C-alpha cells in the first residue's frame, strides 16, 4: 500500500499525507494548524512523540503511541 505526500506548490512545505491503507484518513501535522482554523481531532497518532509542552486535545477519543494500525 502506498502513502501519498502533499506539499505546497509555492514553497514545497509538507502539508499532509494520505495512506491507501486507511481510506478517508489524512495525517495533518498538528503544529501546522496553529489556531488558524477550528479543528477538533478525534484520533491522535504517534502520541509517544508529542512534545511534553504540547497538551492532548480535549476532543481526542482514541490515542495511539504508534500509527494505530492493528495487525
N, C-alpha and C. Protein backbone atom coordinates (compact mmCIF):
# COMPACT_ATOMS: atom_id res chain seq x y z
N UNK A 1 0.84 -1.18 0.00
CA UNK A 1 0.00 0.00 0.00
C UNK A 1 0.89 1.25 0.00
N UNK A 2 0.44 2.26 -0.69
CA UNK A 2 1.22 3.49 -0.85
C UNK A 2 0.78 4.57 0.14
N UNK A 3 1.69 5.51 0.35
CA UNK A 3 1.43 6.71 1.14
C UNK A 3 1.67 7.89 0.21
N UNK A 4 0.72 8.81 0.15
CA UNK A 4 0.81 9.95 -0.75
C UNK A 4 1.08 11.21 0.07
N UNK A 5 2.08 11.97 -0.33
CA UNK A 5 2.50 13.18 0.38
C UNK A 5 2.11 14.40 -0.44
N UNK A 6 1.57 15.40 0.23
CA UNK A 6 1.11 16.61 -0.42
C UNK A 6 1.89 17.80 0.10
N UNK A 7 2.43 18.58 -0.81
CA UNK A 7 3.27 19.73 -0.49
C UNK A 7 2.70 20.99 -1.13
N UNK A 8 3.01 22.13 -0.55
CA UNK A 8 2.63 23.42 -1.12
C UNK A 8 3.40 23.61 -2.43
N UNK A 9 2.73 23.90 -3.53
CA UNK A 9 3.43 24.08 -4.80
C UNK A 9 4.31 25.33 -4.83
N UNK A 10 4.03 26.29 -3.95
CA UNK A 10 4.81 27.53 -3.95
C UNK A 10 6.11 27.41 -3.15
N UNK A 11 6.01 26.79 -1.96
CA UNK A 11 7.19 26.76 -1.08
C UNK A 11 7.70 25.35 -0.76
N UNK A 12 7.01 24.33 -1.26
CA UNK A 12 7.38 22.92 -1.04
C UNK A 12 7.25 22.47 0.41
N UNK A 13 6.47 23.19 1.22
CA UNK A 13 6.25 22.82 2.61
C UNK A 13 5.30 21.63 2.68
N UNK A 14 5.64 20.64 3.52
CA UNK A 14 4.80 19.46 3.71
C UNK A 14 3.47 19.86 4.37
N UNK A 15 2.35 19.51 3.76
CA UNK A 15 1.04 19.88 4.28
C UNK A 15 0.34 18.69 4.94
N UNK A 16 0.21 17.57 4.24
CA UNK A 16 -0.43 16.39 4.81
C UNK A 16 -0.09 15.18 3.96
N UNK A 17 -0.44 13.99 4.47
CA UNK A 17 -0.28 12.78 3.67
C UNK A 17 -1.49 11.89 3.87
N UNK A 18 -1.71 11.00 2.90
CA UNK A 18 -2.86 10.10 2.93
C UNK A 18 -2.38 8.68 2.61
N UNK A 19 -2.72 7.71 3.46
CA UNK A 19 -2.35 6.33 3.21
C UNK A 19 -3.44 5.58 2.44
N UNK A 20 -3.04 4.70 1.55
CA UNK A 20 -4.00 3.82 0.88
C UNK A 20 -4.69 2.90 1.90
N UNK A 21 -3.93 2.49 2.89
CA UNK A 21 -4.41 1.51 3.87
C UNK A 21 -5.63 2.00 4.66
N UNK A 22 -5.68 3.30 4.95
CA UNK A 22 -6.78 3.86 5.74
C UNK A 22 -7.56 4.85 4.90
N UNK A 23 -8.47 4.34 4.08
CA UNK A 23 -9.23 5.19 3.17
C UNK A 23 -10.00 6.26 3.95
N UNK A 24 -9.92 7.47 3.48
CA UNK A 24 -10.61 8.58 4.12
C UNK A 24 -9.83 9.24 5.25
N UNK A 25 -8.63 8.73 5.56
CA UNK A 25 -7.81 9.27 6.65
C UNK A 25 -6.71 10.13 6.04
N UNK A 26 -6.45 11.26 6.67
CA UNK A 26 -5.34 12.13 6.28
C UNK A 26 -4.55 12.47 7.52
N UNK A 27 -3.24 12.46 7.41
CA UNK A 27 -2.35 12.83 8.52
C UNK A 27 -1.97 14.29 8.35
N UNK A 28 -2.32 15.12 9.33
CA UNK A 28 -2.04 16.55 9.29
C UNK A 28 -1.18 16.89 10.50
N UNK A 29 0.03 17.46 10.30
CA UNK A 29 0.84 17.85 11.44
C UNK A 29 0.10 18.87 12.30
N UNK A 30 -0.05 18.58 13.58
CA UNK A 30 -0.81 19.45 14.49
C UNK A 30 -0.25 20.87 14.53
N UNK A 31 1.05 21.01 14.48
CA UNK A 31 1.66 22.33 14.52
C UNK A 31 1.33 23.19 13.32
N UNK A 32 0.90 22.57 12.25
CA UNK A 32 0.55 23.29 11.03
C UNK A 32 -0.71 24.14 11.23
N UNK A 33 -1.60 23.70 12.10
CA UNK A 33 -2.88 24.39 12.28
C UNK A 33 -2.74 25.68 13.08
N UNK A 34 -1.98 25.65 14.15
CA UNK A 34 -1.67 26.85 14.93
C UNK A 34 -2.84 27.77 15.18
N UNK A 35 -3.98 27.26 15.58
CA UNK A 35 -5.17 28.03 15.91
C UNK A 35 -5.68 28.87 14.73
N UNK A 36 -5.38 28.46 13.53
CA UNK A 36 -5.83 29.20 12.35
C UNK A 36 -7.25 28.82 11.95
N UNK A 37 -7.63 27.59 12.26
CA UNK A 37 -8.99 27.13 11.96
C UNK A 37 -9.52 26.38 13.17
N UNK A 38 -10.83 26.28 13.24
CA UNK A 38 -11.42 25.50 14.32
C UNK A 38 -11.36 24.04 13.90
N UNK A 39 -10.64 23.24 14.65
CA UNK A 39 -10.39 21.85 14.30
C UNK A 39 -10.45 21.02 15.56
N UNK A 40 -11.26 19.95 15.54
CA UNK A 40 -11.41 19.10 16.72
C UNK A 40 -11.03 17.67 16.34
N UNK A 41 -9.74 17.33 16.49
CA UNK A 41 -9.31 15.97 16.15
C UNK A 41 -9.91 14.96 17.13
N UNK A 42 -10.17 13.75 16.64
CA UNK A 42 -10.71 12.70 17.50
C UNK A 42 -9.73 11.56 17.70
N UNK A 43 -8.71 11.47 16.85
CA UNK A 43 -7.71 10.41 16.95
C UNK A 43 -6.32 11.04 16.96
N UNK A 44 -5.48 10.55 17.87
CA UNK A 44 -4.10 11.04 17.97
C UNK A 44 -3.17 9.87 17.67
N UNK A 45 -2.32 10.04 16.66
CA UNK A 45 -1.32 9.03 16.30
C UNK A 45 0.05 9.51 16.71
N UNK A 46 0.95 8.58 16.94
CA UNK A 46 2.32 8.87 17.33
C UNK A 46 2.35 9.74 18.59
N UNK A 47 1.42 9.48 19.52
CA UNK A 47 1.35 10.28 20.74
C UNK A 47 2.61 10.17 21.59
N UNK A 48 3.37 9.11 21.41
CA UNK A 48 4.64 8.96 22.13
C UNK A 48 5.66 9.98 21.71
N UNK A 49 5.46 10.61 20.54
CA UNK A 49 6.38 11.62 20.04
C UNK A 49 5.90 13.04 20.32
N UNK A 50 4.75 13.17 20.96
CA UNK A 50 4.22 14.50 21.26
C UNK A 50 5.15 15.20 22.25
N UNK A 51 5.55 16.46 21.97
CA UNK A 51 6.42 17.19 22.90
C UNK A 51 5.74 17.35 24.27
N UNK A 52 6.52 17.36 25.32
CA UNK A 52 5.98 17.48 26.67
C UNK A 52 5.16 18.75 26.86
N UNK A 53 5.52 19.82 26.18
CA UNK A 53 4.82 21.09 26.34
C UNK A 53 3.48 21.12 25.61
N UNK A 54 3.24 20.17 24.69
CA UNK A 54 2.01 20.16 23.91
C UNK A 54 0.96 19.30 24.62
N UNK A 55 -0.17 19.93 24.96
CA UNK A 55 -1.23 19.22 25.66
C UNK A 55 -2.07 18.39 24.68
N UNK A 56 -2.62 17.31 25.18
CA UNK A 56 -3.52 16.48 24.39
C UNK A 56 -4.82 17.25 24.20
N UNK A 57 -5.31 17.29 22.98
CA UNK A 57 -6.56 17.99 22.68
C UNK A 57 -7.72 17.34 23.43
N UNK A 58 -8.61 18.11 24.02
CA UNK A 58 -9.72 17.55 24.78
C UNK A 58 -10.70 16.74 23.94
N UNK A 59 -10.69 16.93 22.63
CA UNK A 59 -11.61 16.21 21.75
C UNK A 59 -11.12 14.80 21.38
N UNK A 60 -9.90 14.44 21.78
CA UNK A 60 -9.32 13.14 21.43
C UNK A 60 -10.12 12.02 22.09
N UNK A 61 -10.56 11.06 21.27
CA UNK A 61 -11.29 9.89 21.76
C UNK A 61 -10.34 8.69 21.87
N UNK A 62 -9.44 8.57 20.91
CA UNK A 62 -8.50 7.44 20.86
C UNK A 62 -7.10 7.96 20.64
N UNK A 63 -6.13 7.38 21.36
CA UNK A 63 -4.74 7.81 21.25
C UNK A 63 -3.84 6.59 21.08
N UNK A 64 -2.93 6.64 20.11
CA UNK A 64 -2.01 5.54 19.83
C UNK A 64 -0.58 6.05 19.91
N UNK A 65 0.30 5.29 20.52
CA UNK A 65 1.71 5.70 20.59
C UNK A 65 2.44 5.47 19.27
N UNK A 66 1.79 4.69 18.36
CA UNK A 66 2.39 4.44 17.04
C UNK A 66 1.40 4.90 15.96
N UNK A 67 1.38 4.24 14.81
CA UNK A 67 0.50 4.69 13.73
C UNK A 67 -0.93 4.19 13.86
N UNK A 68 -1.24 3.41 14.89
CA UNK A 68 -2.60 2.98 15.16
C UNK A 68 -3.10 1.80 14.35
N UNK A 69 -2.25 1.22 13.51
CA UNK A 69 -2.66 0.08 12.69
C UNK A 69 -2.58 -1.18 13.55
N UNK A 70 -3.69 -1.91 13.61
CA UNK A 70 -3.72 -3.16 14.33
C UNK A 70 -3.43 -4.29 13.36
N UNK A 71 -2.54 -5.16 13.73
CA UNK A 71 -2.19 -6.25 12.81
C UNK A 71 -2.94 -7.51 13.15
